[in-house]
Amino acid sequence: MNTGMILTRDVPLQIYAYDVDYMGIVHNIVYLRWLEKIRTDFLNEHYSITDAINTGISPIIAKTEMTYHRPVRITDRAFAHLKVEEIGRSKWVISMEIHVEGELYFRADQSGMFYDINKRRPARTPAHVRELFQQALASK
């Protein structure tokens, strides 16, 4: 388990030939795949899939809003910026922006909750995750 939480993450994005259409523009669904991968990788550092299985408490997505400002192309050097906006008693909120050469191309806001798999209802955010978030906010 990680002993500290960083509230942001910057990730270079790899664009593959299968990510684009015949004009070299990234398909819309690829942005969602990037969001899921970056969010999952970030979460695994603090609350892994193994943790979720062992405790029966899993993060789930309730809402994703995506805004496409400009098309990312296969030749672009794109970077994603993930930010944890909020971690509450059961709710969490993140945002992700994709930039090319410092300009905003895409933004997503995603919210969800922790869910008790066995009871089939929302659950409290695991205490250590809330504590890590509060510590990170305090050290900003």
C-alpha atoms as a PDB file:
ATOM      1  CA  MET A   1       0.000   0.000   0.000  1.00  0.00           C
ATOM      2  CA  ASN A   2       1.237   3.455  -0.854  1.00  0.00           C
ATOM      3  CA  THR A   3       1.959   5.814   2.046  1.00  0.00           C
ATOM      4  CA  GLY A   4       0.954   9.003   0.241  1.00  0.00           C
ATOM      5  CA  MET A   5      -1.383  10.220  -2.457  1.00  0.00           C
ATOM      6  CA  ILE A   6      -0.545  12.625  -5.230  1.00  0.00           C
ATOM      7  CA  LEU A   7      -3.681  14.428  -6.367  1.00  0.00           C
ATOM      8  CA  THR A   8      -2.603  14.758 -10.004  1.00  0.00           C
ATOM      9  CA  ARG A   9      -0.955  12.644 -12.642  1.00  0.00           C
ATOM     10  CA  ASP A  10       0.507  13.612 -16.030  1.00  0.00           C
ATOM     11  CA  VAL A  11       0.776  10.823 -18.588  1.00  0.00           C
ATOM     12  CA  PRO A  12       2.073  10.882 -22.162  1.00  0.00           C
ATOM     13  CA  LEU A  13      -0.408   9.172 -24.486  1.00  0.00           C
ATOM     14  CA  GLN A  14       0.610   6.631 -27.091  1.00  0.00           C
ATOM     15  CA  ILE A  15      -1.483   6.803 -30.266  1.00  0.00           C
ATOM     16  CA  TYR A  16      -1.576   3.639 -32.357  1.00  0.00           C
ATOM     17  CA  ALA A  17      -2.738   3.129 -35.950  1.00  0.00           C
ATOM     18  CA  TYR A  18      -5.827   1.269 -34.714  1.00  0.00           C
ATOM     19  CA  ASP A  19      -6.796   4.309 -32.586  1.00  0.00           C
ATOM     20  CA  VAL A  20      -7.464   6.509 -35.625  1.00  0.00           C
ATOM     21  CA  ASP A  21      -9.747   6.767 -38.644  1.00  0.00           C
ATOM     22  CA  TYR A  22      -8.608   7.080 -42.264  1.00  0.00           C
ATOM     23  CA  MET A  23      -7.907  10.818 -41.732  1.00  0.00           C
ATOM     24  CA  GLY A  24      -5.554  10.096 -38.809  1.00  0.00           C
ATOM     25  CA  ILE A  25      -7.997  11.431 -36.169  1.00  0.00           C
ATOM     26  CA  VAL A  26      -8.311   9.562 -32.874  1.00  0.00           C
ATOM     27  CA  HIS A  27     -11.675   7.763 -32.507  1.00  0.00           C
ATOM     28  CA  ASN A  28     -13.943   9.157 -29.767  1.00  0.00           C
ATOM     29  CA  ILE A  29     -14.018   5.874 -27.830  1.00  0.00           C
ATOM     30  CA  VAL A  30     -10.213   5.962 -27.450  1.00  0.00           C
ATOM     31  CA  TYR A  31     -10.511   8.969 -25.120  1.00  0.00           C
ATOM     32  CA  LEU A  32     -12.717   6.900 -22.801  1.00  0.00           C
ATOM     33  CA  ARG A  33     -10.211   4.029 -22.946  1.00  0.00           C
ATOM     34  CA  TRP A  34      -7.413   6.441 -21.976  1.00  0.00           C
ATOM     35  CA  LEU A  35      -9.515   7.784 -19.104  1.00  0.00           C
ATOM     36  CA  GLU A  36     -10.234   4.270 -17.827  1.00  0.00           C
ATOM     37  CA  LYS A  37      -6.607   3.145 -18.065  1.00  0.00           C
ATOM     38  CA  ILE A  38      -5.172   6.207 -16.340  1.00  0.00           C
ATOM     39  CA  ARG A  39      -7.857   6.174 -13.602  1.00  0.00           C
ATOM     40  CA  THR A  40      -7.378   2.443 -13.009  1.00  0.00           C
ATOM     41  CA  ASP A  41      -3.582   2.712 -12.885  1.00  0.00           C
ATOM     42  CA  PHE A  42      -3.859   5.626 -10.439  1.00  0.00           C
ATOM     43  CA  LEU A  43      -6.390   3.842  -8.247  1.00  0.00           C
ATOM     44  CA  ASN A  44      -4.336   0.633  -8.169  1.00  0.00           C
ATOM     45  CA  GLU A  45      -1.558   2.538  -6.399  1.00  0.00           C
ATOM     46  CA  HIS A  46      -3.911   3.293  -3.493  1.00  0.00           C
ATOM     47  CA  TYR A  47      -6.702   0.686  -3.610  1.00  0.00           C
ATOM     48  CA  SER A  48      -5.988  -2.239  -5.887  1.00  0.00           C
ATOM     49  CA  ILE A  49      -8.352  -4.655  -7.552  1.00  0.00           C
ATOM     50  CA  THR A  50      -7.077  -7.211  -5.033  1.00  0.00           C
ATOM     51  CA  ASP A  51      -8.149  -4.862  -2.207  1.00  0.00           C
ATOM     52  CA  ALA A  52     -11.613  -4.573  -3.767  1.00  0.00           C
ATOM     53  CA  ILE A  53     -11.946  -8.343  -4.102  1.00  0.00           C
ATOM     54  CA  ASN A  54     -10.707  -9.013  -0.569  1.00  0.00           C
ATOM     55  CA  THR A  55     -12.945  -6.395   1.077  1.00  0.00           C
ATOM     56  CA  GLY A  56     -15.967  -6.694  -1.204  1.00  0.00           C
ATOM     57  CA  ILE A  57     -15.890  -2.887  -1.606  1.00  0.00           C
ATOM     58  CA  SER A  58     -15.343  -1.737  -5.173  1.00  0.00           C
ATOM     59  CA  PRO A  59     -15.236   1.671  -6.853  1.00  0.00           C
ATOM     60  CA  ILE A  60     -17.925   2.037  -9.520  1.00  0.00           C
ATOM     61  CA  ILE A  61     -18.639   4.763 -12.046  1.00  0.00           C
ATOM     62  CA  ALA A  62     -21.901   6.693 -11.801  1.00  0.00           C
ATOM     63  CA  LYS A  63     -21.320   9.396 -14.408  1.00  0.00           C
ATOM     64  CA  THR A  64     -18.863  10.362 -17.139  1.00  0.00           C
ATOM     65  CA  GLU A  65     -19.090  13.650 -19.052  1.00  0.00           C
ATOM     66  CA  MET A  66     -16.749  14.189 -21.977  1.00  0.00           C
ATOM     67  CA  THR A  67     -16.150  17.311 -24.047  1.00  0.00           C
ATOM     68  CA  TYR A  68     -14.166  17.156 -27.276  1.00  0.00           C
ATOM     69  CA  HIS A  69     -12.595  20.546 -27.959  1.00  0.00           C
ATOM     70  CA  ARG A  70     -10.316  19.576 -30.873  1.00  0.00           C
ATOM     71  CA  PRO A  71      -9.445  16.317 -32.612  1.00  0.00           C
ATOM     72  CA  VAL A  72      -6.231  14.594 -31.561  1.00  0.00           C
ATOM     73  CA  ARG A  73      -4.322  13.256 -34.571  1.00  0.00           C
ATOM     74  CA  ILE A  74      -1.922  10.345 -34.865  1.00  0.00           C
ATOM     75  CA  THR A  75       1.047  12.713 -35.267  1.00  0.00           C
ATOM     76  CA  ASP A  76       0.221  14.725 -32.111  1.00  0.00           C
ATOM     77  CA  ARG A  77       2.234  14.447 -28.895  1.00  0.00           C
ATOM     78  CA  ALA A  78      -0.688  14.290 -26.484  1.00  0.00           C
ATOM     79  CA  PHE A  79      -0.531  14.337 -22.697  1.00  0.00           C
ATOM     80  CA  ALA A  80      -3.273  13.526 -20.202  1.00  0.00           C
ATOM     81  CA  HIS A  81      -3.622  15.300 -16.874  1.00  0.00           C
ATOM     82  CA  LEU A  82      -5.658  13.408 -14.264  1.00  0.00           C
ATOM     83  CA  LYS A  83      -6.784  15.161 -11.093  1.00  0.00           C
ATOM     84  CA  VAL A  84      -8.590  13.821  -8.044  1.00  0.00           C
ATOM     85  CA  GLU A  85     -11.165  16.511  -7.323  1.00  0.00           C
ATOM     86  CA  GLU A  86     -12.940  14.946  -4.353  1.00  0.00           C
ATOM     87  CA  ILE A  87     -13.055  11.831  -2.208  1.00  0.00           C
ATOM     88  CA  GLY A  88     -15.953  11.860   0.235  1.00  0.00           C
ATOM     89  CA  ARG A  89     -17.659   9.366   2.519  1.00  0.00           C
ATOM     90  CA  SER A  90     -18.668   7.232  -0.456  1.00  0.00           C
ATOM     91  CA  LYS A  91     -18.397   9.496  -3.521  1.00  0.00           C
ATOM     92  CA  TRP A  92     -15.325  10.285  -5.607  1.00  0.00           C
ATOM     93  CA  VAL A  93     -14.809  12.777  -8.448  1.00  0.00           C
ATOM     94  CA  ILE A  94     -11.930  12.987 -10.934  1.00  0.00           C
ATOM     95  CA  SER A  95     -11.187  15.061 -14.010  1.00  0.00           C
ATOM     96  CA  MET A  96      -8.929  14.416 -16.968  1.00  0.00           C
ATOM     97  CA  GLU A  97      -7.724  16.815 -19.618  1.00  0.00           C
ATOM     98  CA  ILE A  98      -5.794  16.022 -22.769  1.00  0.00           C
ATOM     99  CA  HIS A  99      -3.423  18.673 -24.071  1.00  0.00           C
ATOM    100  CA  VAL A 100      -1.348  18.933 -27.225  1.00  0.00           C
ATOM    101  CA  GLU A 101       1.417  21.546 -27.148  1.00  0.00           C
ATOM    102  CA  GLY A 102      -0.217  23.154 -24.114  1.00  0.00           C
ATOM    103  CA  GLU A 103      -3.661  23.518 -25.720  1.00  0.00           C
ATOM    104  CA  LEU A 104      -6.786  21.805 -24.373  1.00  0.00           C
ATOM    105  CA  TYR A 105      -8.176  19.171 -26.751  1.00  0.00           C
ATOM    106  CA  PHE A 106     -10.420  17.136 -24.437  1.00  0.00           C
ATOM    107  CA  ARG A 107     -11.889  17.200 -20.927  1.00  0.00           C
ATOM    108  CA  ALA A 108     -13.742  14.558 -18.948  1.00  0.00           C
ATOM    109  CA  ASP A 109     -15.342  14.684 -15.525  1.00  0.00           C
ATOM    110  CA  GLN A 110     -16.123  11.403 -13.871  1.00  0.00           C
ATOM    111  CA  SER A 111     -17.853  10.610 -10.607  1.00  0.00           C
ATOM    112  CA  GLY A 112     -18.584   7.419  -8.817  1.00  0.00           C
ATOM    113  CA  MET A 113     -18.837   5.770  -5.474  1.00  0.00           C
ATOM    114  CA  PHE A 114     -17.580   2.845  -3.521  1.00  0.00           C
ATOM    115  CA  TYR A 115     -20.004  -0.061  -3.634  1.00  0.00           C
ATOM    116  CA  ASP A 116     -20.506  -3.080  -1.372  1.00  0.00           C
ATOM    117  CA  ILE A 117     -20.571  -5.968  -3.818  1.00  0.00           C
ATOM    118  CA  ASN A 118     -22.254  -8.367  -1.386  1.00  0.00           C
ATOM    119  CA  LYS A 119     -24.898  -5.994  -0.022  1.00  0.00           C
ATOM    120  CA  ARG A 120     -25.432  -4.387  -3.450  1.00  0.00           C
ATOM    121  CA  ARG A 121     -25.496  -0.846  -2.144  1.00  0.00           C
ATOM    122  CA  PRO A 122     -23.162   2.132  -1.734  1.00  0.00           C
ATOM    123  CA  ALA A 123     -20.436   1.740   0.860  1.00  0.00           C
ATOM    124  CA  ARG A 124     -18.141   4.108   2.686  1.00  0.00           C
ATOM    125  CA  THR A 125     -14.893   5.029   1.029  1.00  0.00           C
ATOM    126  CA  PRO A 126     -12.174   2.866   2.594  1.00  0.00           C
ATOM    127  CA  ALA A 127     -10.732   4.810   5.530  1.00  0.00           C
ATOM    128  CA  HIS A 128      -7.121   4.697   4.323  1.00  0.00           C
ATOM    129  CA  VAL A 129      -8.132   6.147   0.934  1.00  0.00           C
ATOM    130  CA  ARG A 130      -9.991   9.054   2.590  1.00  0.00           C
ATOM    131  CA  GLU A 131      -7.044   9.623   4.942  1.00  0.00           C
ATOM    132  CA  LEU A 132      -4.549   9.668   2.050  1.00  0.00           C
ATOM    133  CA  PHE A 133      -6.716  12.204   0.206  1.00  0.00           C
ATOM    134  CA  GLN A 134      -6.992  14.451   3.303  1.00  0.00           C
ATOM    135  CA  GLN A 135      -3.238  14.250   3.894  1.00  0.00           C
ATOM    136  CA  ALA A 136      -2.554  15.175   0.268  1.00  0.00           C
ATOM    137  CA  LEU A 137      -4.898  18.164   0.510  1.00  0.00           C
ATOM    138  CA  ALA A 138      -3.257  19.305   3.748  1.00  0.00           C
ATOM    139  CA  SER A 139       0.228  19.141   2.222  1.00  0.00           C
ATOM    140  CA  LYS A 140      -0.699  21.219  -0.857  1.00  0.00           C
END
